[in-house]
Amino acid sequence: MYCKYCGEQLFDGQTMCVKCGNKIEEEKVVVDNNAPFSQPAKNVKKGNLKGKSKMLMIVTCAFLGFFGAHNFLMGENKKGIVKIVTSFFGVGVILAIIDLVKIVTDNYICNPDAFI
């Protein structure tokens, strides 16, 4: 399990994140066994910005997103480097617009290990 605020790995039974100090809440999954062919509800985490302010990320992405500044703020260094390189060809702007829409709609999921 990981902290939903900073992404730090947590251990079973841990009630507070050591890195950011936020209280850890247990994620609950509701299952309705009486409904026919029901699937367990999936717990989807939306808007994971590594504990950064949504407004900060919107402003950073809007003005410096084509250089990947918002990616560097969230620790996604590989994505940031790709955006710097692709900004010379105009692709960085398109990727920044896609990220901006995802941040505004709370669909951006920060994954520092992903390439793009």
C-alpha atoms as a PDB file:
ATOM      1  CA  MET A   1       0.000   0.000   0.000  1.00  0.00           C
ATOM      2  CA  TYR A   2       1.165   3.544  -0.735  1.00  0.00           C
ATOM      3  CA  CYS A   3       0.383   6.928   0.843  1.00  0.00           C
ATOM      4  CA  LYS A   4      -2.247   8.731  -1.219  1.00  0.00           C
ATOM      5  CA  TYR A   5      -0.623  12.089  -0.469  1.00  0.00           C
ATOM      6  CA  CYS A   6       3.075  11.528  -1.174  1.00  0.00           C
ATOM      7  CA  GLY A   7       3.338   8.030  -2.663  1.00  0.00           C
ATOM      8  CA  GLU A   8       5.574   6.613   0.087  1.00  0.00           C
ATOM      9  CA  GLN A   9       5.321   2.841   0.558  1.00  0.00           C
ATOM     10  CA  LEU A  10       3.444   1.910   3.722  1.00  0.00           C
ATOM     11  CA  PHE A  11       3.534  -1.213   5.859  1.00  0.00           C
ATOM     12  CA  ASP A  12       0.528  -3.184   7.117  1.00  0.00           C
ATOM     13  CA  GLY A  13      -0.965  -1.628  10.234  1.00  0.00           C
ATOM     14  CA  GLN A  14       0.755   1.728   9.722  1.00  0.00           C
ATOM     15  CA  THR A  15      -1.567   4.575  10.777  1.00  0.00           C
ATOM     16  CA  MET A  16       0.561   7.567   9.747  1.00  0.00           C
ATOM     17  CA  CYS A  17       2.892   8.238   6.833  1.00  0.00           C
ATOM     18  CA  VAL A  18       6.468   8.681   8.028  1.00  0.00           C
ATOM     19  CA  LYS A  19       7.430  10.852   5.044  1.00  0.00           C
ATOM     20  CA  CYS A  20       4.575  13.408   4.919  1.00  0.00           C
ATOM     21  CA  GLY A  21       2.924  12.911   8.334  1.00  0.00           C
ATOM     22  CA  ASN A  22      -0.618  12.442   7.011  1.00  0.00           C
ATOM     23  CA  LYS A  23      -3.019  10.034   8.697  1.00  0.00           C
ATOM     24  CA  ILE A  24      -3.586   6.821   6.761  1.00  0.00           C
ATOM     25  CA  GLU A  25      -7.218   5.885   6.233  1.00  0.00           C
ATOM     26  CA  GLU A  26      -8.195   2.332   5.489  1.00  0.00           C
ATOM     27  CA  GLU A  27      -9.639   1.943   2.005  1.00  0.00           C
ATOM     28  CA  LYS A  28     -12.953   0.134   2.172  1.00  0.00           C
ATOM     29  CA  VAL A  29     -14.410  -1.953  -0.607  1.00  0.00           C
ATOM     30  CA  VAL A  30     -18.162  -2.513  -0.537  1.00  0.00           C
ATOM     31  CA  VAL A  31     -19.406  -5.865  -1.794  1.00  0.00           C
ATOM     32  CA  ASP A  32     -23.098  -6.594  -2.331  1.00  0.00           C
ATOM     33  CA  ASN A  33     -23.436 -10.378  -2.165  1.00  0.00           C
ATOM     34  CA  ASN A  34     -27.191 -10.224  -2.704  1.00  0.00           C
ATOM     35  CA  ALA A  35     -27.040  -8.688  -6.175  1.00  0.00           C
ATOM     36  CA  PRO A  36     -26.916 -11.217  -9.028  1.00  0.00           C
ATOM     37  CA  PHE A  37     -23.645 -11.283 -10.944  1.00  0.00           C
ATOM     38  CA  SER A  38     -22.260  -8.438  -8.872  1.00  0.00           C
ATOM     39  CA  GLN A  39     -18.588  -7.605  -8.932  1.00  0.00           C
ATOM     40  CA  PRO A  40     -16.787  -6.093  -5.946  1.00  0.00           C
ATOM     41  CA  ALA A  41     -16.587  -2.325  -6.126  1.00  0.00           C
ATOM     42  CA  LYS A  42     -13.185  -1.220  -7.293  1.00  0.00           C
ATOM     43  CA  ASN A  43     -11.426   1.409  -5.286  1.00  0.00           C
ATOM     44  CA  VAL A  44     -10.145   3.878  -7.868  1.00  0.00           C
ATOM     45  CA  LYS A  45      -7.814   6.614  -6.690  1.00  0.00           C
ATOM     46  CA  LYS A  46      -8.369   9.758  -8.710  1.00  0.00           C
ATOM     47  CA  GLY A  47      -6.279  12.875  -8.858  1.00  0.00           C
ATOM     48  CA  ASN A  48      -2.999  11.587  -7.428  1.00  0.00           C
ATOM     49  CA  LEU A  49      -0.698  14.621  -7.657  1.00  0.00           C
ATOM     50  CA  LYS A  50       1.940  13.406  -5.175  1.00  0.00           C
ATOM     51  CA  GLY A  51       0.568  15.697  -2.454  1.00  0.00           C
ATOM     52  CA  LYS A  52       0.922  18.842  -4.559  1.00  0.00           C
ATOM     53  CA  SER A  53      -1.795  21.480  -4.762  1.00  0.00           C
ATOM     54  CA  LYS A  54      -4.162  21.043  -7.697  1.00  0.00           C
ATOM     55  CA  MET A  55      -4.065  24.789  -8.446  1.00  0.00           C
ATOM     56  CA  LEU A  56      -0.249  24.806  -8.431  1.00  0.00           C
ATOM     57  CA  MET A  57      -0.211  21.920 -10.880  1.00  0.00           C
ATOM     58  CA  ILE A  58      -2.789  23.587 -13.172  1.00  0.00           C
ATOM     59  CA  VAL A  59      -0.820  26.840 -13.314  1.00  0.00           C
ATOM     60  CA  THR A  60       2.522  25.067 -13.782  1.00  0.00           C
ATOM     61  CA  CYS A  61       1.141  22.813 -16.499  1.00  0.00           C
ATOM     62  CA  ALA A  62      -0.598  25.698 -18.293  1.00  0.00           C
ATOM     63  CA  PHE A  63       2.477  27.940 -18.465  1.00  0.00           C
ATOM     64  CA  LEU A  64       5.460  25.561 -18.373  1.00  0.00           C
ATOM     65  CA  GLY A  65       3.866  22.222 -19.227  1.00  0.00           C
ATOM     66  CA  PHE A  66       5.432  22.000 -22.679  1.00  0.00           C
ATOM     67  CA  PHE A  67       8.816  21.830 -20.924  1.00  0.00           C
ATOM     68  CA  GLY A  68       7.506  19.216 -18.459  1.00  0.00           C
ATOM     69  CA  ALA A  69       7.851  21.420 -15.369  1.00  0.00           C
ATOM     70  CA  HIS A  70       4.796  19.844 -13.721  1.00  0.00           C
ATOM     71  CA  ASN A  71       6.285  16.393 -14.301  1.00  0.00           C
ATOM     72  CA  PHE A  72       9.528  17.374 -12.555  1.00  0.00           C
ATOM     73  CA  LEU A  73       7.499  18.747  -9.602  1.00  0.00           C
ATOM     74  CA  MET A  74       5.816  15.368  -9.176  1.00  0.00           C
ATOM     75  CA  GLY A  75       9.022  13.361  -9.556  1.00  0.00           C
ATOM     76  CA  GLU A  76       8.249  12.097 -13.068  1.00  0.00           C
ATOM     77  CA  ASN A  77      11.706  12.942 -14.406  1.00  0.00           C
ATOM     78  CA  LYS A  78      11.564  10.627 -17.429  1.00  0.00           C
ATOM     79  CA  LYS A  79       8.328  12.231 -18.622  1.00  0.00           C
ATOM     80  CA  GLY A  80       9.811  15.682 -18.048  1.00  0.00           C
ATOM     81  CA  ILE A  81      12.883  14.898 -20.150  1.00  0.00           C
ATOM     82  CA  VAL A  82      10.695  13.501 -22.936  1.00  0.00           C
ATOM     83  CA  LYS A  83       8.646  16.707 -22.932  1.00  0.00           C
ATOM     84  CA  ILE A  84      11.762  18.888 -23.093  1.00  0.00           C
ATOM     85  CA  VAL A  85      13.025  16.949 -26.108  1.00  0.00           C
ATOM     86  CA  THR A  86       9.632  16.846 -27.851  1.00  0.00           C
ATOM     87  CA  SER A  87       8.953  20.539 -27.198  1.00  0.00           C
ATOM     88  CA  PHE A  88      11.354  21.362 -30.025  1.00  0.00           C
ATOM     89  CA  PHE A  89       9.033  19.538 -32.423  1.00  0.00           C
ATOM     90  CA  GLY A  90       5.759  20.904 -31.021  1.00  0.00           C
ATOM     91  CA  VAL A  91       4.706  17.596 -29.498  1.00  0.00           C
ATOM     92  CA  GLY A  92       5.411  18.807 -25.964  1.00  0.00           C
ATOM     93  CA  VAL A  93       2.558  21.306 -26.253  1.00  0.00           C
ATOM     94  CA  ILE A  94       0.102  18.543 -27.187  1.00  0.00           C
ATOM     95  CA  LEU A  95       1.276  16.364 -24.286  1.00  0.00           C
ATOM     96  CA  ALA A  96       0.982  19.326 -21.903  1.00  0.00           C
ATOM     97  CA  ILE A  97      -2.598  20.010 -23.030  1.00  0.00           C
ATOM     98  CA  ILE A  98      -3.484  16.359 -22.435  1.00  0.00           C
ATOM     99  CA  ASP A  99      -1.935  16.511 -18.940  1.00  0.00           C
ATOM    100  CA  LEU A 100      -3.731  19.802 -18.202  1.00  0.00           C
ATOM    101  CA  VAL A 101      -7.114  18.281 -19.057  1.00  0.00           C
ATOM    102  CA  LYS A 102      -6.326  15.246 -16.895  1.00  0.00           C
ATOM    103  CA  ILE A 103      -5.304  17.445 -13.931  1.00  0.00           C
ATOM    104  CA  VAL A 104      -8.415  19.635 -14.188  1.00  0.00           C
ATOM    105  CA  THR A 105     -10.732  16.604 -14.399  1.00  0.00           C
ATOM    106  CA  ASP A 106      -8.943  14.739 -11.541  1.00  0.00           C
ATOM    107  CA  ASN A 107      -7.881  11.900 -13.838  1.00  0.00           C
ATOM    108  CA  TYR A 108      -4.114  12.476 -13.640  1.00  0.00           C
ATOM    109  CA  ILE A 109      -2.310   9.676 -11.868  1.00  0.00           C
ATOM    110  CA  CYS A 110       1.306  10.350 -10.996  1.00  0.00           C
ATOM    111  CA  ASN A 111       3.589   7.394 -11.618  1.00  0.00           C
ATOM    112  CA  PRO A 112       7.276   8.314 -11.290  1.00  0.00           C
ATOM    113  CA  ASP A 113       8.340   4.920 -12.639  1.00  0.00           C
ATOM    114  CA  ALA A 114       6.377   5.182 -15.918  1.00  0.00           C
ATOM    115  CA  PHE A 115       8.135   6.319 -19.051  1.00  0.00           C
ATOM    116  CA  ILE A 116       5.254   8.149 -20.761  1.00  0.00           C
END
